[in-house]
Amino acid sequence: MLVALLCICVLGVPSGVYSQGQVAFFVSRSSDASQPEDTLEFDNVHVNIGNGFDPSTSSFVVPFTGHYLFSLSAGVASGSGLEIEIVQPTSVASDIYRLNDNTNGIDTRSRIVILDLNDGDVLTVRTGTPVVSGDEALLTSWGGFYLEEALDAEDMSIFAAATDEIYDDQLAPVMFNDVMINVGEDFEDLSGAYQAPRNCTAFISYTVAQQAGEIAVTTLKGDLSPTELSRMDTSHNGLDMQSRTSLLELVVGDFAYVELARGQVYSDNRHMSSMVGFMYEPAENQQTAFTVHRTASLNVGEDPIDLVFQNVRTTEGNLWDEGQNMAVAPQAGIYFFQVDLSAQQHNTYGEVNVDLIQIVDGSPSVIGGVRRTSKIHNERDGLSRGFFVYMKEGDQVYLRGNPMSGLFSDLDVVGYDLPRIKEQILFKGLGHNNANISCNKRLIINAPLKMIRYIPPPLN
């Protein structure tokens, strides 16, 4: 299931009045940047709750010490690589890097990071290459929100981990063993996995890189419906990065991890593959979230088509309207949308041209889009983008496929062909918080840390 739409409410304001301490912003460019810029200018300010973003300097000035999630997206110029990063005071990987220039059209790349910041820290975005952002798609954008205010600060579970090593151990977890953030101590650095401290919804995003000509198929596992990030295309002539974000419904003790199914994950000490996430439990407002997937590919003809999602995995707080195939805001607030897509092998429908549409008071308008017009890729390939959107109660948001788009999606997950038998990894850890629990057909035992693969008997 490679075509997906995810949404969480990050700031709910049913009264219509934001409280002190709430912070969220989303900005974009209305024009291309034809050359590298030490401080990339963002002239469209769509959201700026808490006034953390300073339009005069295109910088985010941290108003409160704590943890912040940021989503960075960039449009990649035809025949160009990409180098763009959040300039920030921590060591957490926050760049999108692409040496591949074997393209004949524009593309979209994005990354989600979580940073631990201090009051007064100043963050900007730097580019070492041109970026594209000159039409209604607004491909180059930056946004974020303050996790301490959005979540239950008394019981948070937040992590950010990375690796600087090449990984090719297939059908085993990718070892994100450089842990920069571990609030709640729920991420295991020796196993590269997040363990649910209780029954919860977990927001998890990961970014992996591939060398020139290398394929990579990775799977985010944790609940009974794993999601996949796939690069089967071999036309890239240099390093490239991809990202995928999911909501997982976890039972206490469940492990969430990224498994390499095929190919290789590349990483070095400058361009690090990473995994970040948090337990999604709002501080004051009802949990409001959904994840939906397409189970079949789609070719869009000469007329636009509203995307239909056949698989509803997570739905909390009446945010997703399955009958209309769109998000309908149950309350006013700031909502984060993540779009994950997969381009087909190039043929008549090999491009990707998809827009996120918001309907306000009956009038639709484009929030932004995801684009790939390059026609060189020889197999399916993933791309993604995040958006922060202010919605009034009753506002609607949906995805529209524009003419001649070709999207790949199916029900298969590479390396996961047992739909009713959950392949699991048994983590045996000494002194872990949940070391003596048994749940969800899984056994945790006090012992020196090691992993074995375990296939439980068929479910009745």
Protein backbone atom coordinates (compact mmCIF):
# COMPACT_ATOMS: atom_id res chain seq x y z
CA MET A 1 0.00 0.00 0.00
CA LEU A 2 2.24 2.74 -1.37
CA VAL A 3 -0.36 5.50 -1.88
CA ALA A 4 -1.51 6.88 1.46
CA LEU A 5 -2.92 9.95 3.20
CA LEU A 6 -2.32 10.54 6.91
CA CYS A 7 -3.58 13.28 9.20
CA ILE A 8 -3.34 14.22 12.87
CA CYS A 9 -4.74 17.21 14.70
CA VAL A 10 -1.70 18.89 16.28
CA LEU A 11 -3.52 21.87 17.84
CA GLY A 12 -7.23 21.62 18.54
CA VAL A 13 -8.99 24.91 19.28
CA PRO A 14 -12.74 24.28 19.55
CA SER A 15 -13.17 27.71 21.15
CA GLY A 16 -11.40 29.36 18.20
CA VAL A 17 -8.84 30.97 20.55
CA TYR A 18 -5.28 29.62 20.74
CA SER A 19 -3.72 29.38 24.18
CA GLN A 20 -0.31 30.61 25.23
CA GLY A 21 2.26 27.94 24.55
CA GLN A 22 0.70 26.59 21.38
CA VAL A 23 3.18 26.80 18.49
CA ALA A 24 2.76 25.74 14.87
CA PHE A 25 3.82 27.23 11.54
CA PHE A 26 3.78 26.44 7.83
CA VAL A 27 5.47 28.53 5.13
CA SER A 28 6.24 28.12 1.44
CA ARG A 29 7.89 29.84 -1.52
CA SER A 30 5.91 31.37 -4.36
CA SER A 31 8.86 31.26 -6.79
CA ASP A 32 11.81 29.07 -7.73
CA ALA A 33 15.25 29.65 -6.24
CA SER A 34 17.64 29.52 -9.19
CA GLN A 35 20.83 29.36 -7.12
CA PRO A 36 21.97 28.17 -3.67
CA GLU A 37 20.90 30.33 -0.72
CA ASP A 38 22.38 30.34 2.79
CA THR A 39 18.97 31.42 4.12
CA LEU A 40 16.11 30.35 1.89
CA GLU A 41 13.32 32.91 1.83
CA PHE A 42 9.73 31.79 2.43
CA ASP A 43 7.31 34.53 1.39
CA ASN A 44 4.00 32.68 1.93
CA VAL A 45 3.06 32.36 5.61
CA HIS A 46 0.06 30.02 5.80
CA VAL A 47 0.15 29.22 9.55
CA ASN A 48 2.02 31.03 12.35
CA ILE A 49 0.45 30.16 15.70
CA GLY A 50 2.62 31.56 18.50
CA ASN A 51 4.54 33.80 16.04
CA GLY A 52 7.60 31.57 16.13
CA PHE A 53 8.28 32.15 12.44
CA ASP A 54 9.80 35.56 11.63
CA PRO A 55 8.85 36.50 8.04
CA SER A 56 11.39 39.33 7.93
CA THR A 57 14.30 36.89 8.32
CA SER A 58 12.65 33.64 7.15
CA SER A 59 13.71 32.05 10.43
CA PHE A 60 12.01 30.14 13.20
CA VAL A 61 12.90 31.47 16.65
CA VAL A 62 12.19 28.83 19.29
CA PRO A 63 9.73 30.33 21.81
CA PHE A 64 9.87 27.50 24.39
CA THR A 65 12.48 24.91 25.32
CA GLY A 66 11.41 21.43 24.30
CA HIS A 67 10.85 19.11 21.35
CA TYR A 68 9.66 20.21 17.93
CA LEU A 69 8.63 18.25 14.86
CA PHE A 70 9.55 19.79 11.50
CA SER A 71 8.51 18.81 7.99
CA LEU A 72 10.70 20.07 5.11
CA SER A 73 9.80 19.64 1.43
CA ALA A 74 11.57 20.71 -1.74
CA GLY A 75 10.93 20.76 -5.45
CA VAL A 76 13.88 19.34 -7.39
CA ALA A 77 14.78 21.00 -10.69
CA SER A 78 15.11 18.99 -13.91
CA GLY A 79 18.62 17.62 -14.41
CA SER A 80 19.66 18.77 -10.94
CA GLY A 81 20.54 17.20 -7.63
CA LEU A 82 19.23 18.53 -4.33
CA GLU A 83 20.88 19.74 -1.16
CA ILE A 84 18.63 21.39 1.39
CA GLU A 85 18.76 21.33 5.19
CA ILE A 86 17.39 22.87 8.35
CA VAL A 87 20.25 24.83 9.90
CA GLN A 88 19.88 24.10 13.62
CA PRO A 89 22.01 23.71 16.76
CA THR A 90 21.61 19.94 17.30
CA SER A 91 23.31 16.95 15.69
CA VAL A 92 20.07 15.36 14.46
CA ALA A 93 20.03 14.62 10.73
CA SER A 94 17.84 17.27 9.07
CA ASP A 95 18.93 17.39 5.41
CA ILE A 96 17.48 16.16 2.14
CA TYR A 97 20.32 15.16 -0.15
CA ARG A 98 20.26 13.98 -3.75
CA LEU A 99 23.25 13.61 -6.06
CA ASN A 100 21.12 12.02 -8.78
CA ASP A 101 20.76 14.39 -11.74
CA ASN A 102 19.57 11.85 -14.30
CA THR A 103 16.14 13.45 -14.65
CA ASN A 104 14.28 15.37 -17.35
CA GLY A 105 11.55 16.90 -15.19
CA ILE A 106 10.83 18.18 -11.70
CA ASP A 107 10.49 15.98 -8.61
CA THR A 108 9.47 16.25 -4.92
CA ARG A 109 11.44 15.24 -1.85
CA SER A 110 10.62 15.65 1.85
CA ARG A 111 11.79 14.72 5.34
CA ILE A 112 10.41 14.83 8.89
CA VAL A 113 12.74 15.45 11.83
CA ILE A 114 12.30 15.90 15.59
CA LEU A 115 14.67 18.27 17.38
CA ASP A 116 15.34 19.05 21.06
CA LEU A 117 15.69 22.86 21.17
CA ASN A 118 16.22 25.67 23.64
CA ASP A 119 14.30 28.91 24.03
CA GLY A 120 15.84 31.46 21.65
CA ASP A 121 17.44 29.00 19.23
CA VAL A 122 17.22 30.26 15.64
CA LEU A 123 16.55 27.87 12.76
CA THR A 124 16.71 28.59 9.03
CA VAL A 125 16.73 26.56 5.82
CA ARG A 126 19.82 26.47 3.62
CA THR A 127 20.08 25.21 0.04
CA GLY A 128 23.18 24.13 -1.86
CA THR A 129 21.25 23.70 -5.11
CA PRO A 130 18.35 25.40 -6.93
CA VAL A 131 14.83 24.47 -5.81
CA VAL A 132 11.49 24.56 -7.63
CA SER A 133 8.39 26.18 -6.13
CA GLY A 134 6.88 28.48 -8.72
CA ASP A 135 3.31 27.30 -9.32
CA GLU A 136 0.24 26.43 -7.25
CA ALA A 137 1.92 23.23 -6.03
CA LEU A 138 4.28 25.35 -3.84
CA LEU A 139 6.67 22.39 -3.72
CA THR A 140 9.24 23.98 -1.39
CA SER A 141 7.83 24.42 2.11
CA TRP A 142 8.71 24.19 5.80
CA GLY A 143 6.54 23.70 8.86
CA GLY A 144 6.57 22.46 12.42
CA PHE A 145 4.90 22.34 15.83
CA TYR A 146 5.75 22.19 19.54
CA LEU A 147 5.30 18.65 20.83
CA GLU A 148 5.15 19.49 24.56
CA GLU A 149 2.02 21.60 24.07
CA ALA A 150 0.39 19.28 21.55
CA LEU A 151 0.92 16.11 23.62
CA ASP A 152 0.41 15.09 27.22
CA ALA A 153 3.60 16.58 28.69
CA GLU A 154 3.33 14.41 31.80
CA ASP A 155 3.62 11.15 29.89
CA MET A 156 5.42 11.76 26.59
CA SER A 157 7.20 9.17 24.48
CA ILE A 158 9.37 10.78 21.76
CA PHE A 159 12.41 9.49 19.90
CA ALA A 160 14.84 10.37 17.12
CA ALA A 161 17.49 7.90 15.98
CA ALA A 162 19.79 7.51 12.98
CA THR A 163 22.59 5.43 11.53
CA ASP A 164 25.78 6.43 9.72
CA GLU A 165 26.49 2.94 8.35
CA ILE A 166 25.52 1.14 5.14
CA TYR A 167 22.98 -1.57 5.93
CA ASP A 168 22.32 -4.63 3.75
CA ASP A 169 21.14 -7.27 6.26
CA GLN A 170 17.86 -8.22 4.64
CA LEU A 171 14.73 -9.32 6.52
CA ALA A 172 16.04 -7.82 9.75
CA PRO A 173 15.53 -4.42 11.42
CA VAL A 174 17.63 -1.51 10.18
CA MET A 175 19.87 -0.61 13.12
CA PHE A 176 19.16 3.02 13.94
CA ASN A 177 21.54 2.84 16.89
CA ASP A 178 22.58 6.50 17.19
CA VAL A 179 19.80 7.74 19.48
CA MET A 180 19.65 11.52 19.83
CA ILE A 181 16.25 11.84 21.57
CA ASN A 182 14.60 9.22 23.80
CA VAL A 183 11.94 10.79 26.01
CA GLY A 184 10.34 7.93 27.94
CA GLU A 185 13.24 5.56 27.15
CA ASP A 186 11.05 3.54 24.78
CA PHE A 187 13.49 3.33 21.86
CA GLU A 188 15.99 0.44 22.01
CA ASP A 189 19.34 1.54 20.59
CA LEU A 190 20.69 -2.01 20.38
CA SER A 191 17.76 -3.23 18.31
CA GLY A 192 16.77 -0.08 16.40
CA ALA A 193 13.15 -0.44 17.48
CA TYR A 194 10.49 1.53 19.36
CA GLN A 195 8.51 -0.34 22.02
CA ALA A 196 5.00 0.84 22.86
CA PRO A 197 4.80 1.75 26.56
CA ARG A 198 1.05 1.01 26.47
CA ASN A 199 -1.77 0.61 23.98
CA CYS A 200 -1.39 3.64 21.74
CA THR A 201 -1.27 5.25 18.33
CA ALA A 202 2.34 5.87 17.29
CA PHE A 203 3.37 8.46 14.69
CA ILE A 204 6.54 7.20 12.97
CA SER A 205 8.49 8.63 10.03
CA TYR A 206 11.70 7.34 8.50
CA THR A 207 14.12 8.41 5.78
CA VAL A 208 16.50 6.09 3.94
CA ALA A 209 19.08 6.71 1.21
CA GLN A 210 20.17 4.65 -1.78
CA GLN A 211 23.39 4.79 -3.77
CA ALA A 212 23.49 5.14 -7.56
CA GLY A 213 21.58 2.35 -9.29
CA GLU A 214 20.70 0.60 -6.02
CA ILE A 215 17.16 -0.53 -5.20
CA ALA A 216 15.76 -0.44 -1.69
CA VAL A 217 12.48 -1.82 -0.36
CA THR A 218 11.85 -1.13 3.33
CA THR A 219 8.86 -1.97 5.49
CA LEU A 220 7.65 -0.26 8.67
CA LYS A 221 6.35 -3.03 10.90
CA GLY A 222 4.68 -2.99 14.26
CA ASP A 223 1.00 -3.75 13.88
CA LEU A 224 -0.87 -6.19 11.64
CA SER A 225 -0.72 -3.91 8.58
CA PRO A 226 2.87 -3.03 7.66
CA THR A 227 3.55 -0.19 5.23
CA GLU A 228 6.20 -0.13 2.55
CA LEU A 229 8.60 2.36 0.96
CA SER A 230 9.81 1.10 -2.38
CA ARG A 231 12.49 2.16 -4.85
CA MET A 232 12.71 -0.40 -7.64
CA ASP A 233 13.92 2.24 -10.11
CA THR A 234 17.62 1.94 -11.01
CA SER A 235 17.96 5.01 -13.25
CA HIS A 236 19.40 7.28 -10.54
CA ASN A 237 23.10 8.03 -11.10
CA GLY A 238 23.85 9.28 -7.60
CA LEU A 239 22.77 9.16 -3.97
CA ASP A 240 19.06 9.75 -3.37
CA MET A 241 16.73 9.81 -0.33
CA GLN A 242 13.13 8.74 0.27
CA SER A 243 10.78 9.10 3.25
CA ARG A 244 7.62 7.40 4.54
CA THR A 245 5.33 8.26 7.46
CA SER A 246 2.69 6.08 9.15
CA LEU A 247 0.39 5.82 12.12
CA LEU A 248 0.63 2.45 13.87
CA GLU A 249 -1.94 1.03 16.27
CA LEU A 250 0.28 -0.64 18.89
CA VAL A 251 -0.47 -2.85 21.87
CA VAL A 252 1.66 -2.44 24.99
CA GLY A 253 4.97 -4.17 24.34
CA ASP A 254 4.70 -4.10 20.53
CA PHE A 255 7.90 -3.23 18.67
CA ALA A 256 7.87 -0.85 15.70
CA TYR A 257 10.87 -1.06 13.42
CA VAL A 258 12.02 -0.60 9.82
CA GLU A 259 12.93 -3.82 8.04
CA LEU A 260 15.01 -4.03 4.87
CA ALA A 261 13.26 -6.39 2.45
CA ARG A 262 15.43 -5.86 -0.64
CA GLY A 263 18.51 -3.95 -1.69
CA GLN A 264 20.55 -1.70 0.55
CA VAL A 265 20.13 1.31 2.84
CA TYR A 266 22.97 3.82 2.49
CA SER A 267 24.09 6.15 5.25
CA ASP A 268 27.23 8.06 6.23
CA ASN A 269 28.13 10.57 8.94
CA ARG A 270 26.82 13.50 6.90
CA HIS A 271 23.80 12.03 5.11
CA MET A 272 22.18 9.83 7.73
CA SER A 273 19.19 7.57 7.33
CA SER A 274 16.89 8.09 10.31
CA MET A 275 13.72 7.13 12.17
CA VAL A 276 11.69 9.50 14.37
CA GLY A 277 8.36 9.35 16.13
CA PHE A 278 6.14 9.87 19.14
CA MET A 279 3.17 8.42 20.95
CA TYR A 280 0.19 10.44 19.75
CA GLU A 281 -1.86 11.44 22.80
CA PRO A 282 -3.14 15.03 22.72
CA ALA A 283 -2.77 17.06 25.88
CA GLU A 284 -6.28 18.52 26.10
CA ASN A 285 -8.34 17.56 23.07
CA GLN A 286 -9.81 14.34 21.81
CA GLN A 287 -7.44 12.21 19.75
CA THR A 288 -8.11 13.07 16.12
CA ALA A 289 -6.27 11.17 13.41
CA PHE A 290 -6.54 8.87 10.40
CA THR A 291 -4.46 6.89 7.92
CA VAL A 292 -5.98 5.66 4.65
CA HIS A 293 -4.46 3.70 1.78
CA ARG A 294 -5.19 2.81 -1.82
CA THR A 295 -5.10 -0.92 -2.54
CA ALA A 296 -4.82 -0.56 -6.34
CA SER A 297 -2.87 1.50 -8.84
CA LEU A 298 -4.49 4.44 -10.63
CA ASN A 299 -4.11 5.94 -14.10
CA VAL A 300 -5.70 9.36 -14.46
CA GLY A 301 -6.92 10.18 -17.97
CA GLU A 302 -7.67 13.60 -19.42
CA ASP A 303 -9.89 14.69 -16.53
CA PRO A 304 -8.92 15.11 -12.84
CA ILE A 305 -10.00 12.37 -10.41
CA ASP A 306 -10.56 12.62 -6.67
CA LEU A 307 -8.50 9.84 -5.07
CA VAL A 308 -10.47 7.04 -3.44
CA PHE A 309 -8.91 5.13 -0.53
CA GLN A 310 -10.16 1.58 -0.03
CA ASN A 311 -8.25 0.74 3.17
CA VAL A 312 -8.91 2.70 6.37
CA ARG A 313 -6.29 1.72 8.95
CA THR A 314 -6.55 4.32 11.67
CA THR A 315 -9.50 6.57 12.35
CA GLU A 316 -9.95 8.50 15.58
CA GLY A 317 -12.21 11.42 16.40
CA ASN A 318 -14.48 11.29 13.32
CA LEU A 319 -11.92 13.09 11.14
CA TRP A 320 -12.11 10.80 8.10
CA ASP A 321 -15.43 10.62 6.20
CA GLU A 322 -15.30 7.29 4.38
CA GLY A 323 -18.43 8.02 2.38
CA GLN A 324 -17.02 11.24 0.90
CA ASN A 325 -13.39 10.03 0.88
CA MET A 326 -12.15 13.17 2.57
CA ALA A 327 -11.15 14.65 5.90
CA VAL A 328 -13.87 16.70 7.59
CA ALA A 329 -12.65 18.75 10.57
CA PRO A 330 -14.62 17.91 13.74
CA GLN A 331 -13.23 21.04 15.39
CA ALA A 332 -11.18 24.11 14.48
CA GLY A 333 -7.45 23.68 14.68
CA ILE A 334 -4.14 22.98 12.95
CA TYR A 335 -3.98 19.65 11.14
CA PHE A 336 -0.89 17.96 9.75
CA PHE A 337 -1.38 16.04 6.48
CA GLN A 338 1.22 13.67 5.06
CA VAL A 339 0.93 12.46 1.47
CA ASP A 340 2.87 9.34 0.46
CA LEU A 341 2.83 8.31 -3.22
CA SER A 342 4.59 5.92 -5.58
CA ALA A 343 5.23 6.71 -9.23
CA GLN A 344 4.71 3.93 -11.74
CA GLN A 345 7.39 2.85 -14.17
CA HIS A 346 7.33 5.59 -16.79
CA ASN A 347 4.85 4.99 -19.57
CA THR A 348 1.90 7.04 -20.76
CA TYR A 349 0.92 7.60 -17.12
CA GLY A 350 4.41 7.76 -15.57
CA GLU A 351 4.14 11.27 -14.11
CA VAL A 352 2.85 12.24 -10.65
CA ASN A 353 0.65 15.31 -10.40
CA VAL A 354 -1.43 15.26 -7.22
CA ASP A 355 -2.91 18.19 -5.25
CA LEU A 356 -4.18 18.50 -1.69
CA ILE A 357 -7.48 20.42 -1.89
CA GLN A 358 -9.27 22.27 0.93
CA ILE A 359 -12.94 23.22 0.76
CA VAL A 360 -13.79 26.27 2.88
CA ASP A 361 -17.41 27.48 2.90
CA GLY A 362 -18.08 25.44 -0.24
CA SER A 363 -15.14 26.86 -2.23
CA PRO A 364 -12.23 24.52 -3.13
CA SER A 365 -8.62 25.74 -3.33
CA VAL A 366 -5.24 24.05 -3.75
CA ILE A 367 -3.13 23.87 -0.57
CA GLY A 368 -0.15 22.46 -2.44
CA GLY A 369 0.92 19.49 -4.49
CA VAL A 370 3.31 16.62 -5.12
CA ARG A 371 4.97 16.54 -8.53
CA ARG A 372 7.15 14.29 -10.65
CA THR A 373 7.32 15.17 -14.35
CA SER A 374 10.62 13.37 -15.06
CA LYS A 375 10.14 10.51 -17.56
CA ILE A 376 13.35 8.55 -17.01
CA HIS A 377 12.52 6.28 -14.04
CA ASN A 378 12.37 2.63 -15.15
CA GLU A 379 10.42 1.21 -12.20
CA ARG A 380 8.24 2.37 -9.32
CA ASP A 381 9.66 4.98 -6.95
CA GLY A 382 8.33 6.73 -3.84
CA LEU A 383 7.83 10.41 -3.08
CA SER A 384 6.11 12.29 -0.24
CA ARG A 385 5.20 15.66 1.24
CA GLY A 386 3.80 17.18 4.45
CA PHE A 387 1.39 20.11 4.99
CA PHE A 388 0.13 22.01 8.04
CA VAL A 389 -3.41 23.29 7.43
CA TYR A 390 -5.72 25.52 9.47
CA MET A 391 -9.24 24.08 9.31
CA LYS A 392 -12.48 25.43 10.71
CA GLU A 393 -15.08 22.98 11.95
CA GLY A 394 -16.64 21.40 8.88
CA ASP A 395 -13.82 22.27 6.45
CA GLN A 396 -12.95 19.44 4.07
CA VAL A 397 -9.63 18.22 2.63
CA TYR A 398 -9.07 15.61 -0.07
CA LEU A 399 -6.52 14.50 -2.70
CA ARG A 400 -6.99 15.11 -6.42
CA GLY A 401 -5.12 13.27 -9.16
CA ASN A 402 -4.51 15.52 -12.14
CA PRO A 403 -4.50 14.43 -15.82
CA MET A 404 -2.02 11.77 -16.98
CA SER A 405 -0.83 10.90 -13.46
CA GLY A 406 0.15 7.30 -12.81
CA LEU A 407 0.22 6.03 -9.21
CA PHE A 408 1.36 2.57 -8.12
CA SER A 409 -0.19 0.83 -5.13
CA ASP A 410 -1.23 -2.70 -4.21
CA LEU A 411 -1.87 -4.98 -1.24
CA ASP A 412 1.47 -6.78 -1.40
CA VAL A 413 4.28 -6.06 1.04
CA VAL A 414 7.68 -7.38 -0.05
CA GLY A 415 8.95 -9.92 2.45
CA TYR A 416 5.55 -10.07 4.20
CA ASP A 417 3.31 -12.67 2.59
CA LEU A 418 1.47 -14.04 5.62
CA PRO A 419 -1.68 -11.91 5.89
CA ARG A 420 -3.07 -13.67 8.99
CA ILE A 421 0.18 -14.81 10.63
CA LYS A 422 2.07 -11.90 12.01
CA GLU A 423 5.80 -12.29 11.49
CA GLN A 424 7.41 -10.98 14.66
CA ILE A 425 10.75 -10.36 16.21
CA LEU A 426 11.28 -11.48 19.76
CA PHE A 427 13.31 -8.91 21.63
CA LYS A 428 14.95 -10.21 24.79
CA GLY A 429 16.16 -7.34 26.90
CA LEU A 430 17.74 -7.04 30.31
CA GLY A 431 16.10 -4.53 32.64
CA HIS A 432 13.68 -3.02 30.12
CA ASN A 433 10.61 -1.27 31.51
CA ASN A 434 8.37 -3.92 29.94
CA ALA A 435 10.73 -6.87 30.37
CA ASN A 436 8.27 -9.22 32.04
CA ILE A 437 5.07 -8.82 30.06
CA SER A 438 3.40 -11.19 27.67
CA CYS A 439 1.00 -9.69 25.14
CA ASN A 440 -0.18 -9.96 21.54
CA LYS A 441 1.34 -13.46 21.04
CA ARG A 442 4.72 -12.07 22.05
CA LEU A 443 7.01 -13.06 24.95
CA ILE A 444 9.51 -10.71 26.55
CA ILE A 445 12.10 -12.37 28.80
CA ASN A 446 14.89 -11.00 30.97
CA ALA A 447 18.12 -11.96 29.18
CA PRO A 448 21.05 -10.29 27.41
CA LEU A 449 19.70 -8.44 24.38
CA LYS A 450 19.41 -10.50 21.24
CA MET A 451 16.90 -11.05 18.45
CA ILE A 452 15.39 -14.15 16.98
CA ARG A 453 12.75 -14.44 14.27
CA TYR A 454 9.53 -15.96 15.50
CA ILE A 455 6.49 -17.12 13.53
CA PRO A 456 3.51 -17.79 15.82
CA PRO A 457 0.91 -20.44 14.99
CA PRO A 458 -1.97 -19.44 12.69
CA LEU A 459 -4.68 -17.32 14.27
CA ASN A 460 -8.04 -19.00 14.66
